[in-house]
């Protein structure tokens, strides 16, 4: 049986990837819960983000805000990724 909790290490990376791709997450409150857990935070949109070819489709616009992984979020994200052999 798989655990669908987006905050288990093995699911957080997949949920974050879905959120970044503007796909529905398994938990509709994913961003709010991840922020409360200190895993993501809002930051101003920067030029690098605007260079992404799908920035506008993902809601990334000049003068706006975007979600970013915190240090703890990056650690959690990469802990849940499969190592490349």
Protein backbone atom coordinates (compact mmCIF):
# COMPACT_ATOMS: atom_id res chain seq x y z
CA UNK A 1 0.00 0.00 0.00
CA UNK A 2 1.41 3.40 -0.93
CA UNK A 3 1.11 6.43 1.25
CA UNK A 4 -0.57 9.37 -0.52
CA UNK A 5 0.44 11.93 2.13
CA UNK A 6 2.33 14.63 0.15
CA UNK A 7 4.53 15.34 3.14
CA UNK A 8 6.21 11.95 3.36
CA UNK A 9 9.69 12.17 1.95
CA UNK A 10 8.90 9.86 -0.92
CA UNK A 11 5.87 11.94 -2.06
CA UNK A 12 6.99 15.51 -1.43
CA UNK A 13 9.21 15.66 -4.54
CA UNK A 14 6.44 14.39 -6.80
CA UNK A 15 3.91 16.82 -5.30
CA UNK A 16 6.33 19.74 -5.70
CA UNK A 17 6.97 18.75 -9.32
CA UNK A 18 3.21 18.72 -9.95
CA UNK A 19 2.81 22.14 -8.34
CA UNK A 20 5.69 23.56 -10.40
CA UNK A 21 4.15 22.21 -13.59
CA UNK A 22 0.81 23.82 -12.64
CA UNK A 23 -0.72 20.33 -12.48
CA UNK A 24 -3.23 19.43 -9.77
CA UNK A 25 -1.59 18.10 -6.63
CA UNK A 26 -2.99 15.16 -4.67
CA UNK A 27 -3.68 17.52 -1.77
CA UNK A 28 -5.49 20.75 -2.73
CA UNK A 29 -3.89 22.46 0.29
CA UNK A 30 -0.36 21.34 -0.65
CA UNK A 31 1.14 24.84 -0.92
CA UNK A 32 -0.39 26.07 2.33
CA UNK A 33 0.73 22.96 4.21
CA UNK A 34 4.21 23.03 2.68
CA UNK A 35 4.57 26.71 3.63
CA UNK A 36 3.39 26.03 7.19
CA UNK A 37 5.94 23.19 7.40
CA UNK A 38 8.73 25.57 6.34
CA UNK A 39 9.36 23.72 3.06
CA UNK A 40 8.40 26.51 0.63
CA UNK A 41 8.00 30.27 0.75
CA UNK A 42 6.91 33.09 -1.54
CA UNK A 43 9.61 35.16 -3.22
CA UNK A 44 9.49 37.93 -5.83
CA UNK A 45 9.64 36.76 -9.43
CA UNK A 46 13.17 37.16 -10.78
CA UNK A 47 14.54 37.43 -14.31
CA UNK A 48 15.63 33.78 -14.38
CA UNK A 49 12.08 32.66 -13.66
CA UNK A 50 10.74 34.92 -16.40
CA UNK A 51 13.13 33.27 -18.89
CA UNK A 52 11.32 29.92 -18.47
CA UNK A 53 9.40 29.21 -21.67
CA UNK A 54 6.21 28.40 -19.72
CA UNK A 55 6.50 31.12 -17.07
CA UNK A 56 3.32 32.97 -18.01
CA UNK A 57 1.30 29.75 -18.23
CA UNK A 58 2.48 28.92 -14.70
CA UNK A 59 1.47 32.35 -13.38
CA UNK A 60 5.01 33.73 -13.20
CA UNK A 61 4.79 37.37 -14.31
CA UNK A 62 6.89 40.50 -13.75
CA UNK A 63 6.20 42.06 -10.35
CA UNK A 64 4.54 38.92 -9.05
CA UNK A 65 5.40 36.32 -6.45
CA UNK A 66 6.33 32.67 -6.87
CA UNK A 67 6.80 29.68 -4.62
CA UNK A 68 10.35 28.53 -3.94
CA UNK A 69 11.78 25.68 -1.91
CA UNK A 70 13.44 26.67 1.36
CA UNK A 71 16.69 25.02 2.42
CA UNK A 72 14.64 22.44 4.34
CA UNK A 73 12.40 22.00 1.31
CA UNK A 74 15.37 21.37 -0.99
CA UNK A 75 16.72 18.77 1.43
CA UNK A 76 13.32 17.08 1.60
CA UNK A 77 12.89 17.27 -2.18
CA UNK A 78 16.23 15.69 -3.02
CA UNK A 79 15.91 13.07 -0.28
CA UNK A 80 12.79 11.81 -2.07
CA UNK A 81 14.38 11.62 -5.52
CA UNK A 82 15.65 8.34 -6.87
CA UNK A 83 19.44 8.36 -7.29
CA UNK A 84 20.63 8.20 -10.89
CA UNK A 85 22.80 5.12 -11.46
